[in-house]
Amino acid sequence: MSIDNLMNTAHDLDCIIQGDRFPVVAGPLLRARKWKSGTWVRYVADENNSNNWTVERSNGIYAAGFLMYGSEDYSDARRSTYRNYTSFQNAGELSEASGSAVITMITGGGRFLFANYETVALDIGGTRTGGPITYILGEDLKVSENGLLCNDPDANLLAATGGTATLVVGVCSKLPVNGGKIGFDLKY
């Protein structure tokens, strides 16, 4: 995925009722692949320092919260919103010492509109070839194997993640009409 496809993410996530926010450090895999607003992440031990933790994209088994803002490229001010926790989270070279790897994670409570969520269902074998997903108002929403919101059946999601339980994080509070944003009440 190109970084160009990840820029201009200011409208990928709308905050209707603010949830709990925390600063977290982006891990090396997350920084390498970049991310969009609303990507679910999990804590992992920092490979360089066993006393520190970073976040990486959720695998659908574990999640600590979701990222409020997408990765940015501050080398081009026209393409940047400067909205991350420290107002400087460069999508290129990052340094924990400078604070430029610190990003904003939402962990609890709140109501949000997500532009990025699963739109293709998992089939029984755990691959995303099951056709379009239909969401239902008030249904449980889970974290997919890609770190996005989904409503896949537990058996299909377990086949995709290799986990033993699905990760329900909230409920659908607004249906995504014509590919629009899905409403999400965080109950995590």
N, C-alpha and C. Protein backbone atom coordinates (compact mmCIF):
# COMPACT_ATOMS: atom_id res chain seq x y z
N MET A 1 0.84 -1.18 0.00
CA MET A 1 0.00 0.00 0.00
C MET A 1 0.89 1.24 0.00
N SER A 2 0.60 2.16 -0.86
CA SER A 2 1.38 3.38 -1.00
C SER A 2 1.04 4.38 0.09
N ILE A 3 2.03 5.11 0.54
CA ILE A 3 1.78 6.17 1.52
C ILE A 3 0.83 7.21 0.95
N ASP A 4 0.83 7.40 -0.37
CA ASP A 4 -0.08 8.37 -0.99
C ASP A 4 -1.53 8.01 -0.73
N ASN A 5 -1.83 6.71 -0.63
CA ASN A 5 -3.19 6.28 -0.35
C ASN A 5 -3.57 6.49 1.11
N LEU A 6 -2.60 6.78 1.95
CA LEU A 6 -2.88 6.93 3.36
C LEU A 6 -2.89 8.38 3.81
N MET A 7 -2.51 9.29 2.97
CA MET A 7 -2.50 10.70 3.35
C MET A 7 -3.91 11.28 3.32
N ASN A 8 -4.03 12.49 3.79
CA ASN A 8 -5.31 13.21 3.80
C ASN A 8 -6.39 12.42 4.51
N THR A 9 -6.07 11.97 5.70
CA THR A 9 -7.00 11.13 6.46
C THR A 9 -7.79 11.91 7.50
N ALA A 10 -7.85 13.21 7.38
CA ALA A 10 -8.54 14.03 8.38
C ALA A 10 -10.02 13.67 8.49
N HIS A 11 -10.61 13.11 7.45
CA HIS A 11 -12.04 12.80 7.48
C HIS A 11 -12.31 11.30 7.56
N ASP A 12 -11.30 10.50 7.88
CA ASP A 12 -11.48 9.06 8.00
C ASP A 12 -12.18 8.67 9.30
N LEU A 13 -12.13 9.54 10.29
CA LEU A 13 -12.73 9.24 11.59
C LEU A 13 -13.35 10.51 12.14
N ASP A 14 -14.64 10.44 12.45
CA ASP A 14 -15.32 11.57 13.08
C ASP A 14 -15.60 11.20 14.52
N CYS A 15 -15.27 12.10 15.42
CA CYS A 15 -15.52 11.88 16.84
C CYS A 15 -16.81 12.61 17.22
N ILE A 16 -17.83 11.84 17.60
CA ILE A 16 -19.11 12.42 18.01
C ILE A 16 -19.10 12.64 19.52
N ILE A 17 -18.71 11.62 20.28
CA ILE A 17 -18.51 11.72 21.74
C ILE A 17 -17.12 11.20 22.01
N GLN A 18 -16.28 12.03 22.60
CA GLN A 18 -14.87 11.71 22.81
C GLN A 18 -14.68 10.53 23.75
N GLY A 19 -13.77 9.63 23.40
CA GLY A 19 -13.39 8.52 24.26
C GLY A 19 -12.11 8.84 25.02
N ASP A 20 -11.63 7.89 25.79
CA ASP A 20 -10.37 8.06 26.52
C ASP A 20 -9.21 8.02 25.54
N ARG A 21 -8.30 8.99 25.63
CA ARG A 21 -7.16 9.09 24.72
C ARG A 21 -5.86 8.89 25.49
N PHE A 22 -4.92 8.19 24.85
CA PHE A 22 -3.61 7.97 25.43
C PHE A 22 -2.54 8.08 24.36
N PRO A 23 -1.36 8.57 24.75
CA PRO A 23 -0.24 8.56 23.80
C PRO A 23 0.38 7.17 23.77
N VAL A 24 0.69 6.69 22.58
CA VAL A 24 1.37 5.40 22.42
C VAL A 24 2.47 5.58 21.38
N VAL A 25 3.41 4.65 21.37
CA VAL A 25 4.52 4.70 20.42
C VAL A 25 4.27 3.70 19.30
N ALA A 26 4.35 4.19 18.07
CA ALA A 26 4.16 3.33 16.90
C ALA A 26 5.34 2.37 16.78
N GLY A 27 5.06 1.09 16.61
CA GLY A 27 6.09 0.08 16.44
C GLY A 27 6.65 0.10 15.02
N PRO A 28 7.74 -0.62 14.81
CA PRO A 28 8.40 -0.58 13.49
C PRO A 28 7.55 -1.13 12.35
N LEU A 29 6.76 -2.16 12.58
CA LEU A 29 5.92 -2.72 11.51
C LEU A 29 4.81 -1.75 11.13
N LEU A 30 4.21 -1.12 12.13
CA LEU A 30 3.16 -0.14 11.88
C LEU A 30 3.71 1.05 11.11
N ARG A 31 4.88 1.52 11.52
CA ARG A 31 5.49 2.66 10.83
C ARG A 31 5.84 2.31 9.39
N ALA A 32 6.30 1.09 9.16
CA ALA A 32 6.69 0.68 7.81
C ALA A 32 5.48 0.58 6.88
N ARG A 33 4.36 0.09 7.40
CA ARG A 33 3.16 -0.09 6.56
C ARG A 33 2.24 1.11 6.54
N LYS A 34 2.42 2.04 7.49
CA LYS A 34 1.56 3.21 7.65
C LYS A 34 0.17 2.77 8.14
N TRP A 35 -0.73 3.70 8.36
CA TRP A 35 -2.05 3.36 8.87
C TRP A 35 -3.01 4.51 8.60
N LYS A 36 -4.29 4.19 8.66
CA LYS A 36 -5.35 5.19 8.55
C LYS A 36 -6.03 5.34 9.89
N SER A 37 -6.75 6.43 10.07
CA SER A 37 -7.53 6.64 11.28
C SER A 37 -8.49 5.47 11.48
N GLY A 38 -8.66 5.05 12.72
CA GLY A 38 -9.58 3.95 13.02
C GLY A 38 -8.94 2.58 12.98
N THR A 39 -7.65 2.49 12.72
CA THR A 39 -6.94 1.21 12.73
C THR A 39 -6.79 0.73 14.17
N TRP A 40 -7.19 -0.49 14.44
CA TRP A 40 -7.06 -1.07 15.78
C TRP A 40 -5.64 -1.58 15.97
N VAL A 41 -5.11 -1.35 17.17
CA VAL A 41 -3.73 -1.73 17.48
C VAL A 41 -3.68 -2.53 18.78
N ARG A 42 -2.56 -3.23 18.95
CA ARG A 42 -2.30 -4.01 20.17
C ARG A 42 -0.92 -3.65 20.69
N TYR A 43 -0.73 -3.81 21.98
CA TYR A 43 0.58 -3.57 22.57
C TYR A 43 1.50 -4.75 22.28
N VAL A 44 2.76 -4.45 22.01
CA VAL A 44 3.81 -5.46 21.86
C VAL A 44 5.04 -4.95 22.59
N ALA A 45 5.87 -5.88 23.05
CA ALA A 45 7.11 -5.49 23.71
C ALA A 45 8.05 -4.86 22.68
N ASP A 46 8.70 -3.78 23.06
CA ASP A 46 9.66 -3.10 22.19
C ASP A 46 10.88 -3.99 22.06
N GLU A 47 11.24 -4.35 20.83
CA GLU A 47 12.37 -5.26 20.62
C GLU A 47 13.69 -4.67 21.07
N ASN A 48 13.78 -3.35 21.16
CA ASN A 48 15.02 -2.70 21.57
C ASN A 48 15.12 -2.46 23.07
N ASN A 49 13.99 -2.51 23.77
CA ASN A 49 13.98 -2.23 25.20
C ASN A 49 12.85 -3.01 25.84
N SER A 50 13.18 -4.00 26.65
CA SER A 50 12.16 -4.88 27.23
C SER A 50 11.27 -4.16 28.24
N ASN A 51 11.62 -2.95 28.66
CA ASN A 51 10.80 -2.21 29.61
C ASN A 51 9.81 -1.28 28.91
N ASN A 52 9.87 -1.19 27.61
CA ASN A 52 8.96 -0.31 26.87
C ASN A 52 8.00 -1.13 26.03
N TRP A 53 6.89 -0.51 25.67
CA TRP A 53 5.89 -1.15 24.82
C TRP A 53 5.61 -0.24 23.64
N THR A 54 5.35 -0.85 22.50
CA THR A 54 4.92 -0.11 21.32
C THR A 54 3.58 -0.70 20.88
N VAL A 55 2.97 -0.11 19.88
CA VAL A 55 1.73 -0.67 19.33
C VAL A 55 1.95 -1.07 17.89
N GLU A 56 1.32 -2.17 17.51
CA GLU A 56 1.31 -2.66 16.14
C GLU A 56 -0.15 -2.93 15.77
N ARG A 57 -0.41 -3.07 14.48
CA ARG A 57 -1.77 -3.35 13.99
C ARG A 57 -2.33 -4.59 14.69
N SER A 58 -3.59 -4.53 15.11
CA SER A 58 -4.23 -5.67 15.77
C SER A 58 -4.38 -6.83 14.79
N ASN A 59 -4.28 -8.03 15.32
CA ASN A 59 -4.45 -9.24 14.53
C ASN A 59 -5.84 -9.84 14.72
N GLY A 60 -6.71 -9.12 15.41
CA GLY A 60 -8.06 -9.61 15.66
C GLY A 60 -8.15 -10.46 16.92
N ILE A 61 -7.03 -10.77 17.53
CA ILE A 61 -7.01 -11.55 18.77
C ILE A 61 -6.86 -10.63 19.98
N TYR A 62 -5.95 -9.66 19.85
CA TYR A 62 -5.71 -8.69 20.92
C TYR A 62 -5.85 -7.28 20.36
N ALA A 63 -6.38 -6.38 21.17
CA ALA A 63 -6.45 -4.96 20.79
C ALA A 63 -6.43 -4.13 22.06
N ALA A 64 -5.72 -3.01 22.01
CA ALA A 64 -5.67 -2.07 23.12
C ALA A 64 -6.58 -0.87 22.85
N GLY A 65 -6.83 -0.58 21.59
CA GLY A 65 -7.64 0.56 21.19
C GLY A 65 -7.43 0.81 19.71
N PHE A 66 -7.90 1.97 19.24
CA PHE A 66 -7.70 2.31 17.83
C PHE A 66 -7.04 3.67 17.72
N LEU A 67 -6.40 3.90 16.58
CA LEU A 67 -5.66 5.13 16.35
C LEU A 67 -6.59 6.23 15.84
N MET A 68 -6.48 7.36 16.49
CA MET A 68 -7.38 8.47 16.18
C MET A 68 -7.03 9.16 14.87
N TYR A 69 -5.76 9.20 14.53
CA TYR A 69 -5.31 9.89 13.33
C TYR A 69 -4.43 8.96 12.50
N GLY A 70 -4.42 9.19 11.20
CA GLY A 70 -3.60 8.40 10.31
C GLY A 70 -2.15 8.86 10.30
N SER A 71 -1.29 8.04 9.71
CA SER A 71 0.12 8.42 9.58
C SER A 71 0.20 9.60 8.62
N GLU A 72 1.22 10.42 8.79
CA GLU A 72 1.33 11.64 8.01
C GLU A 72 2.75 11.82 7.49
N ASP A 73 2.87 12.65 6.50
CA ASP A 73 4.17 12.99 5.93
C ASP A 73 4.37 14.49 6.08
N TYR A 74 5.09 14.88 7.12
CA TYR A 74 5.25 16.30 7.41
C TYR A 74 6.27 16.98 6.51
N SER A 75 6.88 16.24 5.59
CA SER A 75 7.79 16.89 4.67
C SER A 75 7.01 17.71 3.63
N ASP A 76 5.71 17.47 3.50
CA ASP A 76 4.87 18.23 2.58
C ASP A 76 3.69 18.78 3.38
N ALA A 77 3.76 20.03 3.78
CA ALA A 77 2.75 20.63 4.65
C ALA A 77 1.36 20.63 4.03
N ARG A 78 1.26 20.59 2.71
CA ARG A 78 -0.06 20.58 2.06
C ARG A 78 -0.79 19.26 2.26
N ARG A 79 -0.05 18.20 2.59
CA ARG A 79 -0.66 16.88 2.75
C ARG A 79 -0.76 16.45 4.20
N SER A 80 -0.52 17.34 5.12
CA SER A 80 -0.49 16.97 6.52
C SER A 80 -1.54 17.72 7.32
N THR A 81 -2.09 17.07 8.32
CA THR A 81 -3.06 17.72 9.21
C THR A 81 -2.44 18.08 10.55
N TYR A 82 -1.27 17.56 10.86
CA TYR A 82 -0.58 17.84 12.13
C TYR A 82 -1.49 17.58 13.34
N ARG A 83 -2.16 16.43 13.35
CA ARG A 83 -3.15 16.18 14.40
C ARG A 83 -2.78 15.10 15.39
N ASN A 84 -1.63 14.46 15.27
CA ASN A 84 -1.30 13.41 16.22
C ASN A 84 -0.92 13.99 17.58
N TYR A 85 -0.74 13.11 18.55
CA TYR A 85 -0.61 13.50 19.95
C TYR A 85 0.43 14.59 20.18
N THR A 86 1.58 14.47 19.58
CA THR A 86 2.64 15.46 19.78
C THR A 86 2.66 16.49 18.67
N SER A 87 1.70 16.42 17.76
CA SER A 87 1.67 17.29 16.59
C SER A 87 2.90 17.11 15.72
N PHE A 88 3.58 15.99 15.87
CA PHE A 88 4.68 15.67 14.96
C PHE A 88 4.86 14.17 14.93
N GLN A 89 4.24 13.50 14.02
CA GLN A 89 4.37 12.07 13.86
C GLN A 89 4.63 11.82 12.39
N ASN A 90 5.87 11.81 12.02
CA ASN A 90 6.26 11.70 10.63
C ASN A 90 6.15 10.26 10.14
N ALA A 91 5.58 10.07 8.98
CA ALA A 91 5.42 8.72 8.42
C ALA A 91 6.73 8.16 7.90
N GLY A 92 7.74 9.00 7.77
CA GLY A 92 9.05 8.54 7.30
C GLY A 92 9.89 8.08 8.47
N GLU A 93 11.05 8.68 8.65
CA GLU A 93 11.96 8.30 9.73
C GLU A 93 11.41 8.78 11.06
N LEU A 94 11.26 7.89 12.01
CA LEU A 94 10.74 8.24 13.32
C LEU A 94 11.77 7.98 14.40
N SER A 95 11.72 8.74 15.43
CA SER A 95 12.63 8.57 16.54
C SER A 95 11.85 8.65 17.83
N GLU A 96 11.94 7.60 18.65
CA GLU A 96 11.26 7.65 19.93
C GLU A 96 11.83 8.75 20.80
N ALA A 97 13.12 9.01 20.69
CA ALA A 97 13.76 10.02 21.53
C ALA A 97 13.19 11.41 21.25
N SER A 98 12.84 11.68 19.99
CA SER A 98 12.31 13.00 19.66
C SER A 98 10.83 13.11 19.95
N GLY A 99 10.18 11.97 20.24
CA GLY A 99 8.74 11.98 20.47
C GLY A 99 7.95 11.88 19.19
N SER A 100 8.61 11.80 18.05
CA SER A 100 7.90 11.80 16.78
C SER A 100 7.21 10.49 16.46
N ALA A 101 7.42 9.47 17.29
CA ALA A 101 6.73 8.21 17.08
C ALA A 101 5.49 8.11 17.96
N VAL A 102 5.17 9.14 18.71
CA VAL A 102 4.04 9.12 19.63
C VAL A 102 2.77 9.47 18.87
N ILE A 103 1.76 8.61 19.00
CA ILE A 103 0.49 8.79 18.31
C ILE A 103 -0.65 8.67 19.31
N THR A 104 -1.85 9.03 18.91
CA THR A 104 -3.01 9.05 19.79
C THR A 104 -3.84 7.79 19.62
N MET A 105 -4.09 7.09 20.74
CA MET A 105 -4.92 5.88 20.74
C MET A 105 -6.16 6.13 21.59
N ILE A 106 -7.32 5.72 21.08
CA ILE A 106 -8.58 5.77 21.82
C ILE A 106 -8.79 4.40 22.45
N THR A 107 -9.11 4.38 23.76
CA THR A 107 -9.22 3.09 24.44
C THR A 107 -10.57 2.78 25.05
N GLY A 108 -11.39 3.76 25.34
CA GLY A 108 -12.64 3.44 25.99
C GLY A 108 -13.69 4.52 25.83
N GLY A 109 -14.95 4.09 25.76
CA GLY A 109 -16.06 5.02 25.66
C GLY A 109 -16.06 5.79 24.36
N GLY A 110 -17.13 6.47 24.09
CA GLY A 110 -17.21 7.34 22.93
C GLY A 110 -18.08 6.82 21.81
N ARG A 111 -18.38 7.73 20.90
CA ARG A 111 -19.15 7.42 19.69
C ARG A 111 -18.39 8.01 18.51
N PHE A 112 -18.23 7.20 17.47
CA PHE A 112 -17.39 7.59 16.35
C PHE A 112 -18.03 7.17 15.03
N LEU A 113 -17.60 7.81 13.95
CA LEU A 113 -17.95 7.40 12.60
C LEU A 113 -16.65 7.00 11.90
N PHE A 114 -16.59 5.75 11.47
CA PHE A 114 -15.39 5.19 10.83
C PHE A 114 -15.58 5.12 9.32
N ALA A 115 -14.61 5.65 8.57
CA ALA A 115 -14.62 5.50 7.11
C ALA A 115 -13.96 4.19 6.70
N ASN A 116 -13.08 3.65 7.56
CA ASN A 116 -12.32 2.45 7.24
C ASN A 116 -12.83 1.29 8.10
N TYR A 117 -13.42 0.31 7.45
CA TYR A 117 -13.96 -0.88 8.10
C TYR A 117 -14.03 -1.96 7.03
N GLU A 118 -14.22 -3.20 7.45
CA GLU A 118 -14.29 -4.29 6.48
C GLU A 118 -15.59 -4.18 5.67
N THR A 119 -15.47 -4.33 4.35
CA THR A 119 -16.64 -4.29 3.47
C THR A 119 -16.87 -5.61 2.75
N VAL A 120 -15.87 -6.50 2.79
CA VAL A 120 -15.99 -7.83 2.20
C VAL A 120 -15.97 -8.85 3.33
N ALA A 121 -16.94 -9.76 3.33
CA ALA A 121 -17.09 -10.74 4.40
C ALA A 121 -16.06 -11.86 4.30
N LEU A 122 -15.75 -12.43 5.45
CA LEU A 122 -14.91 -13.64 5.49
C LEU A 122 -15.75 -14.83 5.05
N ASP A 123 -15.14 -15.75 4.29
CA ASP A 123 -15.83 -17.00 3.99
C ASP A 123 -15.52 -17.98 5.13
N ILE A 124 -16.06 -19.17 5.04
CA ILE A 124 -15.93 -20.16 6.12
C ILE A 124 -14.48 -20.58 6.34
N GLY A 125 -13.62 -20.40 5.32
CA GLY A 125 -12.22 -20.75 5.45
C GLY A 125 -11.36 -19.63 6.02
N GLY A 126 -11.96 -18.46 6.24
CA GLY A 126 -11.21 -17.36 6.84
C GLY A 126 -10.53 -16.44 5.84
N THR A 127 -10.99 -16.43 4.58
CA THR A 127 -10.45 -15.48 3.61
C THR A 127 -11.55 -14.48 3.23
N ARG A 128 -11.18 -13.28 2.88
CA ARG A 128 -12.15 -12.23 2.59
C ARG A 128 -12.63 -12.31 1.14
N THR A 129 -13.41 -13.34 0.88
CA THR A 129 -14.00 -13.54 -0.45
C THR A 129 -15.48 -13.85 -0.34
N GLY A 130 -16.09 -13.53 0.79
CA GLY A 130 -17.48 -13.89 1.05
C GLY A 130 -18.52 -12.92 0.57
N GLY A 131 -18.16 -11.94 -0.24
CA GLY A 131 -19.13 -10.97 -0.74
C GLY A 131 -19.26 -9.77 0.19
N PRO A 132 -20.14 -8.84 -0.17
CA PRO A 132 -20.30 -7.62 0.63
C PRO A 132 -20.86 -7.92 2.02
N ILE A 133 -20.39 -7.15 2.99
CA ILE A 133 -20.89 -7.27 4.36
C ILE A 133 -22.13 -6.39 4.51
N THR A 134 -23.14 -6.91 5.18
CA THR A 134 -24.32 -6.13 5.55
C THR A 134 -24.27 -5.91 7.05
N TYR A 135 -24.28 -4.66 7.46
CA TYR A 135 -24.26 -4.33 8.89
C TYR A 135 -25.68 -4.09 9.37
N ILE A 136 -25.91 -4.34 10.66
CA ILE A 136 -27.22 -4.19 11.28
C ILE A 136 -27.09 -3.26 12.47
N LEU A 137 -27.99 -2.32 12.58
CA LEU A 137 -27.99 -1.37 13.69
C LEU A 137 -28.07 -2.10 15.02
N GLY A 138 -27.21 -1.77 15.95
CA GLY A 138 -27.22 -2.36 17.29
C GLY A 138 -26.46 -3.67 17.42
N GLU A 139 -25.92 -4.19 16.32
CA GLU A 139 -25.18 -5.46 16.41
C GLU A 139 -23.77 -5.23 16.96
N ASP A 140 -23.20 -6.30 17.51
CA ASP A 140 -21.82 -6.25 18.00
C ASP A 140 -20.85 -6.08 16.84
N LEU A 141 -19.84 -5.23 17.05
CA LEU A 141 -18.77 -5.07 16.07
C LEU A 141 -17.49 -5.61 16.69
N LYS A 142 -16.67 -6.25 15.86
CA LYS A 142 -15.46 -6.92 16.30
C LYS A 142 -14.26 -6.34 15.57
N VAL A 143 -13.07 -6.76 15.98
CA VAL A 143 -11.84 -6.37 15.31
C VAL A 143 -11.45 -7.51 14.37
N SER A 144 -11.21 -7.15 13.11
CA SER A 144 -10.87 -8.16 12.10
C SER A 144 -9.39 -8.52 12.17
N GLU A 145 -9.01 -9.49 11.36
CA GLU A 145 -7.61 -9.91 11.24
C GLU A 145 -6.75 -8.80 10.64
N ASN A 146 -7.37 -7.79 10.05
CA ASN A 146 -6.67 -6.65 9.45
C ASN A 146 -6.65 -5.42 10.35
N GLY A 147 -7.20 -5.54 11.56
CA GLY A 147 -7.25 -4.40 12.47
C GLY A 147 -8.34 -3.41 12.15
N LEU A 148 -9.42 -3.87 11.50
CA LEU A 148 -10.55 -3.00 11.15
C LEU A 148 -11.82 -3.52 11.80
N LEU A 149 -12.84 -2.68 11.90
CA LEU A 149 -14.14 -3.11 12.41
C LEU A 149 -14.77 -4.09 11.43
N CYS A 150 -15.49 -5.08 11.98
CA CYS A 150 -16.20 -6.04 11.15
C CYS A 150 -17.35 -6.64 11.95
N ASN A 151 -18.18 -7.43 11.29
CA ASN A 151 -19.26 -8.16 11.96
C ASN A 151 -19.30 -9.62 11.49
N ASP A 152 -18.16 -10.13 11.09
CA ASP A 152 -18.09 -11.50 10.58
C ASP A 152 -18.55 -12.51 11.63
N PRO A 153 -19.12 -13.65 11.18
CA PRO A 153 -19.47 -14.71 12.13
C PRO A 153 -18.23 -15.18 12.89
N ASP A 154 -18.42 -15.53 14.15
CA ASP A 154 -17.30 -15.92 15.01
C ASP A 154 -16.45 -17.03 14.38
N ALA A 155 -17.09 -18.05 13.83
CA ALA A 155 -16.34 -19.18 13.27
C ALA A 155 -15.42 -18.73 12.14
N ASN A 156 -15.92 -17.85 11.27
CA ASN A 156 -15.12 -17.37 10.14
C ASN A 156 -13.97 -16.48 10.64
N LEU A 157 -14.26 -15.64 11.62
CA LEU A 157 -13.22 -14.76 12.16
C LEU A 157 -12.15 -15.56 12.89
N LEU A 158 -12.54 -16.59 13.61
CA LEU A 158 -11.57 -17.45 14.29
C LEU A 158 -10.69 -18.19 13.28
N ALA A 159 -11.28 -18.59 12.15
CA ALA A 159 -10.48 -19.25 11.11
C ALA A 159 -9.44 -18.29 10.53
N ALA A 160 -9.79 -17.01 10.45
CA ALA A 160 -8.87 -16.02 9.90
C ALA A 160 -7.78 -15.62 10.89
N THR A 161 -8.13 -15.53 12.17
CA THR A 161 -7.17 -15.05 13.17
C THR A 161 -6.37 -16.17 13.82
N GLY A 162 -6.94 -17.37 13.86
CA GLY A 162 -6.29 -18.46 14.57
C GLY A 162 -6.47 -18.34 16.08
N GLY A 163 -7.33 -17.44 16.51
CA GLY A 163 -7.59 -17.23 17.93
C GLY A 163 -8.59 -18.22 18.50
N THR A 164 -8.88 -18.03 19.77
CA THR A 164 -9.85 -18.90 20.45
C THR A 164 -11.13 -18.16 20.81
N ALA A 165 -11.13 -16.83 20.65
CA ALA A 165 -12.31 -16.02 20.93
C ALA A 165 -12.26 -14.78 20.04
N THR A 166 -13.44 -14.28 19.68
CA THR A 166 -13.48 -13.05 18.90
C THR A 166 -13.40 -11.86 19.84
N LEU A 167 -13.07 -10.72 19.29
CA LEU A 167 -12.84 -9.52 20.08
C LEU A 167 -13.94 -8.51 19.78
N VAL A 168 -15.02 -8.53 20.59
CA VAL A 168 -16.12 -7.58 20.44
C VAL A 168 -15.71 -6.28 21.12
N VAL A 169 -15.80 -5.16 20.39
CA VAL A 169 -15.34 -3.89 20.93
C VAL A 169 -16.44 -2.84 21.05
N GLY A 170 -17.59 -3.10 20.49
CA GLY A 170 -18.68 -2.13 20.58
C GLY A 170 -19.86 -2.53 19.73
N VAL A 171 -20.72 -1.56 19.46
CA VAL A 171 -21.93 -1.83 18.68
C VAL A 171 -22.07 -0.83 17.53
N CYS A 172 -22.79 -1.26 16.51
CA CYS A 172 -23.07 -0.43 15.35
C CYS A 172 -24.16 0.58 15.73
N SER A 173 -23.86 1.87 15.62
CA SER A 173 -24.83 2.91 15.98
C SER A 173 -25.34 3.70 14.77
N LYS A 174 -24.76 3.45 13.60
CA LYS A 174 -25.22 4.07 12.35
C LYS A 174 -24.80 3.18 11.20
N LEU A 175 -25.74 2.90 10.33
CA LEU A 175 -25.44 2.04 9.19
C LEU A 175 -24.65 2.80 8.13
N PRO A 176 -23.69 2.11 7.49
CA PRO A 176 -22.93 2.76 6.41
C PRO A 176 -23.77 2.76 5.14
N VAL A 177 -24.32 3.90 4.78
CA VAL A 177 -25.19 4.02 3.61
C VAL A 177 -24.34 4.32 2.37
N ASN A 178 -24.51 3.51 1.32
CA ASN A 178 -23.80 3.69 0.05
C ASN A 178 -22.29 3.82 0.24
N GLY A 179 -21.71 2.97 1.06
CA GLY A 179 -20.26 2.99 1.28
C GLY A 179 -19.79 4.10 2.19
N GLY A 180 -20.73 4.78 2.87
CA GLY A 180 -20.36 5.85 3.79
C GLY A 180 -19.79 5.33 5.09
N LYS A 181 -19.71 6.18 6.07
CA LYS A 181 -19.13 5.83 7.36
C LYS A 181 -20.08 5.00 8.20
N ILE A 182 -19.47 4.10 8.99
CA ILE A 182 -20.25 3.29 9.92
C ILE A 182 -20.16 3.93 11.30
N GLY A 183 -21.30 3.99 11.99
CA GLY A 183 -21.33 4.52 13.35
C GLY A 183 -20.93 3.43 14.32
N PHE A 184 -20.13 3.81 15.31
CA PHE A 184 -19.56 2.84 16.25
C PHE A 184 -19.59 3.43 17.66
N ASP A 185 -20.25 2.71 18.57
CA ASP A 185 -20.23 3.06 20.00
C ASP A 185 -19.23 2.15 20.67
N LEU A 186 -18.15 2.73 21.17
CA LEU A 186 -17.08 1.96 21.80
C LEU A 186 -17.51 1.51 23.18
N LYS A 187 -17.51 0.21 23.40
CA LYS A 187 -17.90 -0.37 24.69
C LYS A 187 -16.76 -1.18 25.26
N TYR A 188 -15.56 -0.94 24.83
CA TYR A 188 -14.39 -1.76 25.16
C TYR A 188 -13.85 -1.38 26.51
